Amino acid sequence: QATERPWMSIYLRILAFVFAYGAIVHFGNIAGFGEMPWLETPLTWRIGDVFYGILDTVAVIGLGARKVWGIGLCLSCSAFRLGYLNCSKGTGNREQGTGKN
């Protein structure tokens, strides 16, 4: 199985660290450490923070354990993000909502 190879194990651990950072950012936003108070952000951002925070956390667990479902979830998270970015073009980002330019 490919996940048992040493180089793949290292790669999966690196991916796990990247997704762990993403989960920390999303849960940090929920905890109020973002640029704006979390309850003042649009509902779609709050849903995204919860959704991606949970998915990133589960992906970290799967990637760290070198499971095939972790790799699949990692790819799914990436596809969801690309779809979200393509659908939300022109709707602004967090910086635009604060009045800062």
N, C-alpha and C. Protein backbone atom coordinates (compact mmCIF):
# COMPACT_ATOMS: atom_id res chain seq x y z
N GLN A 1 0.84 -1.18 0.00
CA GLN A 1 0.00 0.00 0.00
C GLN A 1 0.89 1.24 0.00
N ALA A 2 0.49 2.24 -0.75
CA ALA A 2 1.31 3.44 -0.94
C ALA A 2 1.49 4.24 0.34
N THR A 3 0.52 4.18 1.24
CA THR A 3 0.64 4.98 2.47
C THR A 3 1.71 4.44 3.41
N GLU A 4 2.20 3.24 3.17
CA GLU A 4 3.22 2.65 4.02
C GLU A 4 4.63 3.01 3.58
N ARG A 5 4.79 3.62 2.44
CA ARG A 5 6.12 4.00 1.96
C ARG A 5 6.65 5.18 2.76
N PRO A 6 7.95 5.21 3.03
CA PRO A 6 8.50 6.28 3.88
C PRO A 6 8.28 7.68 3.31
N TRP A 7 8.48 7.86 2.01
CA TRP A 7 8.33 9.20 1.44
C TRP A 7 6.88 9.65 1.48
N MET A 8 5.94 8.72 1.32
CA MET A 8 4.52 9.07 1.37
C MET A 8 4.13 9.43 2.81
N SER A 9 4.70 8.74 3.75
CA SER A 9 4.42 9.03 5.15
C SER A 9 4.84 10.46 5.50
N ILE A 10 6.00 10.85 5.01
CA ILE A 10 6.49 12.21 5.27
C ILE A 10 5.56 13.23 4.60
N TYR A 11 5.18 12.97 3.36
CA TYR A 11 4.30 13.87 2.62
C TYR A 11 2.95 14.01 3.32
N LEU A 12 2.39 12.91 3.79
CA LEU A 12 1.10 12.96 4.47
C LEU A 12 1.18 13.74 5.77
N ARG A 13 2.30 13.61 6.47
CA ARG A 13 2.48 14.38 7.71
C ARG A 13 2.59 15.87 7.42
N ILE A 14 3.26 16.24 6.34
CA ILE A 14 3.35 17.65 5.96
C ILE A 14 1.96 18.20 5.61
N LEU A 15 1.20 17.41 4.85
CA LEU A 15 -0.18 17.82 4.54
C LEU A 15 -1.02 17.95 5.81
N ALA A 16 -0.79 17.06 6.76
CA ALA A 16 -1.53 17.14 8.02
C ALA A 16 -1.21 18.44 8.75
N PHE A 17 0.04 18.88 8.73
CA PHE A 17 0.39 20.15 9.37
C PHE A 17 -0.28 21.33 8.66
N VAL A 18 -0.35 21.28 7.34
CA VAL A 18 -1.01 22.36 6.58
C VAL A 18 -2.49 22.42 6.93
N PHE A 19 -3.14 21.28 6.99
CA PHE A 19 -4.56 21.26 7.32
C PHE A 19 -4.79 21.59 8.79
N ALA A 20 -3.85 21.25 9.66
CA ALA A 20 -3.97 21.63 11.06
C ALA A 20 -3.92 23.14 11.21
N TYR A 21 -3.04 23.79 10.43
CA TYR A 21 -2.99 25.25 10.46
C TYR A 21 -4.33 25.83 10.02
N GLY A 22 -4.92 25.27 8.97
CA GLY A 22 -6.23 25.74 8.51
C GLY A 22 -7.30 25.59 9.58
N ALA A 23 -7.30 24.46 10.27
CA ALA A 23 -8.28 24.24 11.32
C ALA A 23 -8.08 25.23 12.46
N ILE A 24 -6.84 25.50 12.82
CA ILE A 24 -6.55 26.47 13.88
C ILE A 24 -7.04 27.87 13.49
N VAL A 25 -6.85 28.24 12.23
CA VAL A 25 -7.32 29.54 11.76
C VAL A 25 -8.84 29.63 11.85
N HIS A 26 -9.54 28.59 11.41
CA HIS A 26 -11.00 28.62 11.44
C HIS A 26 -11.53 28.64 12.87
N PHE A 27 -10.96 27.82 13.75
CA PHE A 27 -11.42 27.84 15.13
C PHE A 27 -10.98 29.12 15.84
N GLY A 28 -9.86 29.71 15.42
CA GLY A 28 -9.46 31.01 15.95
C GLY A 28 -10.45 32.10 15.57
N ASN A 29 -10.96 32.04 14.33
CA ASN A 29 -12.00 32.99 13.93
C ASN A 29 -13.24 32.83 14.79
N ILE A 30 -13.63 31.59 15.05
CA ILE A 30 -14.81 31.34 15.87
C ILE A 30 -14.59 31.85 17.30
N ALA A 31 -13.37 31.70 17.80
CA ALA A 31 -13.05 32.15 19.16
C ALA A 31 -12.91 33.67 19.26
N GLY A 32 -12.93 34.36 18.12
CA GLY A 32 -12.87 35.81 18.16
C GLY A 32 -11.50 36.39 17.91
N PHE A 33 -10.56 35.59 17.43
CA PHE A 33 -9.21 36.08 17.17
C PHE A 33 -9.03 36.60 15.74
N GLY A 34 -10.10 36.67 14.96
CA GLY A 34 -10.02 37.15 13.58
C GLY A 34 -10.01 38.67 13.52
N GLU A 35 -10.08 39.19 12.32
CA GLU A 35 -10.08 40.63 12.11
C GLU A 35 -11.37 41.29 12.58
N MET A 36 -12.45 40.54 12.49
CA MET A 36 -13.76 41.05 12.90
C MET A 36 -14.33 40.13 13.96
N PRO A 37 -15.18 40.66 14.86
CA PRO A 37 -15.88 39.76 15.78
C PRO A 37 -16.70 38.75 14.97
N TRP A 38 -16.65 37.50 15.40
CA TRP A 38 -17.21 36.42 14.59
C TRP A 38 -18.71 36.59 14.36
N LEU A 39 -19.44 37.07 15.36
CA LEU A 39 -20.89 37.20 15.21
C LEU A 39 -21.28 38.37 14.31
N GLU A 40 -20.31 39.25 14.00
CA GLU A 40 -20.59 40.36 13.09
C GLU A 40 -20.27 40.01 11.63
N THR A 41 -19.67 38.87 11.40
CA THR A 41 -19.35 38.46 10.03
C THR A 41 -20.61 37.93 9.36
N PRO A 42 -20.65 37.91 8.04
CA PRO A 42 -21.82 37.36 7.35
C PRO A 42 -22.03 35.88 7.70
N LEU A 43 -23.25 35.46 7.60
CA LEU A 43 -23.62 34.08 7.95
C LEU A 43 -22.83 33.06 7.12
N THR A 44 -22.59 33.36 5.85
CA THR A 44 -21.86 32.40 5.01
C THR A 44 -20.43 32.21 5.51
N TRP A 45 -19.80 33.24 6.04
CA TRP A 45 -18.45 33.09 6.59
C TRP A 45 -18.48 32.24 7.86
N ARG A 46 -19.49 32.46 8.68
CA ARG A 46 -19.60 31.66 9.92
C ARG A 46 -19.83 30.19 9.60
N ILE A 47 -20.70 29.92 8.63
CA ILE A 47 -20.94 28.54 8.22
C ILE A 47 -19.64 27.94 7.67
N GLY A 48 -18.93 28.70 6.86
CA GLY A 48 -17.65 28.23 6.31
C GLY A 48 -16.63 27.94 7.38
N ASP A 49 -16.54 28.80 8.40
CA ASP A 49 -15.58 28.55 9.48
C ASP A 49 -15.90 27.25 10.21
N VAL A 50 -17.16 27.03 10.51
CA VAL A 50 -17.54 25.79 11.21
C VAL A 50 -17.31 24.58 10.31
N PHE A 51 -17.78 24.66 9.06
CA PHE A 51 -17.67 23.54 8.12
C PHE A 51 -16.21 23.17 7.87
N TYR A 52 -15.38 24.16 7.51
CA TYR A 52 -13.98 23.86 7.20
C TYR A 52 -13.16 23.56 8.45
N GLY A 53 -13.54 24.12 9.58
CA GLY A 53 -12.84 23.77 10.82
C GLY A 53 -13.00 22.29 11.16
N ILE A 54 -14.22 21.80 11.02
CA ILE A 54 -14.48 20.38 11.29
C ILE A 54 -13.81 19.49 10.24
N LEU A 55 -13.99 19.83 8.95
CA LEU A 55 -13.39 19.01 7.89
C LEU A 55 -11.86 18.99 8.00
N ASP A 56 -11.26 20.13 8.27
CA ASP A 56 -9.80 20.17 8.40
C ASP A 56 -9.32 19.31 9.57
N THR A 57 -10.06 19.36 10.68
CA THR A 57 -9.67 18.56 11.84
C THR A 57 -9.75 17.07 11.54
N VAL A 58 -10.82 16.64 10.89
CA VAL A 58 -10.97 15.22 10.55
C VAL A 58 -9.91 14.82 9.52
N ALA A 59 -9.60 15.71 8.58
CA ALA A 59 -8.55 15.42 7.59
C ALA A 59 -7.20 15.27 8.26
N VAL A 60 -6.91 16.08 9.26
CA VAL A 60 -5.64 15.97 10.00
C VAL A 60 -5.54 14.61 10.67
N ILE A 61 -6.63 14.16 11.26
CA ILE A 61 -6.62 12.85 11.92
C ILE A 61 -6.36 11.75 10.90
N GLY A 62 -7.06 11.80 9.76
CA GLY A 62 -6.88 10.78 8.73
C GLY A 62 -5.50 10.80 8.11
N LEU A 63 -4.98 12.00 7.84
CA LEU A 63 -3.64 12.10 7.24
C LEU A 63 -2.57 11.67 8.23
N GLY A 64 -2.73 12.06 9.48
CA GLY A 64 -1.75 11.67 10.50
C GLY A 64 -1.71 10.16 10.71
N ALA A 65 -2.86 9.52 10.58
CA ALA A 65 -2.94 8.06 10.74
C ALA A 65 -2.62 7.34 9.44
N ARG A 66 -2.35 8.08 8.37
CA ARG A 66 -2.03 7.53 7.05
C ARG A 66 -3.13 6.60 6.53
N LYS A 67 -4.35 7.07 6.64
CA LYS A 67 -5.50 6.30 6.17
C LYS A 67 -5.93 6.80 4.80
N VAL A 68 -6.48 5.92 4.01
CA VAL A 68 -6.93 6.28 2.67
C VAL A 68 -8.08 7.29 2.75
N TRP A 69 -8.98 7.14 3.72
CA TRP A 69 -10.08 8.09 3.85
C TRP A 69 -9.56 9.48 4.19
N GLY A 70 -8.43 9.58 4.87
CA GLY A 70 -7.84 10.88 5.16
C GLY A 70 -7.36 11.57 3.90
N ILE A 71 -6.78 10.78 2.98
CA ILE A 71 -6.33 11.33 1.69
C ILE A 71 -7.55 11.78 0.88
N GLY A 72 -8.60 10.97 0.88
CA GLY A 72 -9.82 11.34 0.17
C GLY A 72 -10.46 12.60 0.73
N LEU A 73 -10.47 12.72 2.05
CA LEU A 73 -11.04 13.91 2.67
C LEU A 73 -10.19 15.14 2.37
N CYS A 74 -8.88 14.95 2.33
CA CYS A 74 -7.96 16.03 1.97
C CYS A 74 -8.28 16.54 0.56
N LEU A 75 -8.45 15.64 -0.37
CA LEU A 75 -8.79 16.02 -1.74
C LEU A 75 -10.17 16.66 -1.81
N SER A 76 -11.11 16.15 -1.04
CA SER A 76 -12.46 16.73 -1.02
C SER A 76 -12.44 18.14 -0.46
N CYS A 77 -11.69 18.36 0.61
CA CYS A 77 -11.57 19.70 1.19
C CYS A 77 -11.00 20.68 0.17
N SER A 78 -9.99 20.24 -0.56
CA SER A 78 -9.39 21.10 -1.58
C SER A 78 -10.39 21.41 -2.69
N ALA A 79 -11.17 20.42 -3.10
CA ALA A 79 -12.17 20.64 -4.15
C ALA A 79 -13.27 21.57 -3.66
N PHE A 80 -13.71 21.41 -2.40
CA PHE A 80 -14.72 22.30 -1.84
C PHE A 80 -14.22 23.74 -1.82
N ARG A 81 -12.97 23.91 -1.43
CA ARG A 81 -12.40 25.27 -1.37
C ARG A 81 -12.32 25.90 -2.75
N LEU A 82 -11.91 25.14 -3.74
CA LEU A 82 -11.85 25.68 -5.10
C LEU A 82 -13.24 26.05 -5.60
N GLY A 83 -14.20 25.22 -5.32
CA GLY A 83 -15.57 25.52 -5.70
C GLY A 83 -16.10 26.74 -4.98
N TYR A 84 -15.79 26.87 -3.71
CA TYR A 84 -16.23 28.03 -2.93
C TYR A 84 -15.60 29.30 -3.46
N LEU A 85 -14.31 29.25 -3.78
CA LEU A 85 -13.63 30.43 -4.30
C LEU A 85 -14.21 30.85 -5.65
N ASN A 86 -14.51 29.88 -6.50
CA ASN A 86 -15.07 30.20 -7.82
C ASN A 86 -16.49 30.76 -7.70
N CYS A 87 -17.26 30.26 -6.76
CA CYS A 87 -18.64 30.72 -6.60
C CYS A 87 -18.72 32.06 -5.90
N SER A 88 -17.73 32.39 -5.08
CA SER A 88 -17.80 33.62 -4.28
C SER A 88 -17.02 34.77 -4.88
N LYS A 89 -16.53 34.64 -6.11
CA LYS A 89 -15.80 35.75 -6.74
C LYS A 89 -16.73 36.95 -6.88
N GLY A 90 -16.19 38.09 -6.50
CA GLY A 90 -16.96 39.31 -6.60
C GLY A 90 -17.82 39.61 -5.40
N THR A 91 -17.89 38.69 -4.43
CA THR A 91 -18.70 38.95 -3.24
C THR A 91 -17.88 39.59 -2.13
N GLY A 92 -16.58 39.75 -2.34
CA GLY A 92 -15.73 40.40 -1.33
C GLY A 92 -15.08 39.40 -0.42
N ASN A 93 -14.17 39.91 0.36
CA ASN A 93 -13.51 39.10 1.37
C ASN A 93 -13.60 39.81 2.70
N ARG A 94 -13.00 39.26 3.71
CA ARG A 94 -13.12 39.81 5.05
C ARG A 94 -12.57 41.22 5.14
N GLU A 95 -11.48 41.52 4.42
CA GLU A 95 -10.89 42.85 4.50
C GLU A 95 -11.82 43.89 3.90
N GLN A 96 -12.52 43.54 2.82
CA GLN A 96 -13.41 44.51 2.18
C GLN A 96 -14.60 44.83 3.06
N GLY A 97 -15.02 43.89 3.88
CA GLY A 97 -16.17 44.14 4.74
C GLY A 97 -15.88 45.04 5.92
N THR A 98 -14.60 45.32 6.22
CA THR A 98 -14.26 46.12 7.38
C THR A 98 -14.13 47.59 7.06
N GLY A 99 -14.16 47.98 5.79
CA GLY A 99 -13.99 49.37 5.43
C GLY A 99 -12.54 49.78 5.28
N LYS A 100 -11.61 48.85 5.47
CA LYS A 100 -10.19 49.14 5.29
C LYS A 100 -9.82 48.97 3.84
N ASN A 101 -8.99 49.83 3.31
CA ASN A 101 -8.55 49.70 1.92
C ASN A 101 -7.06 49.71 1.84
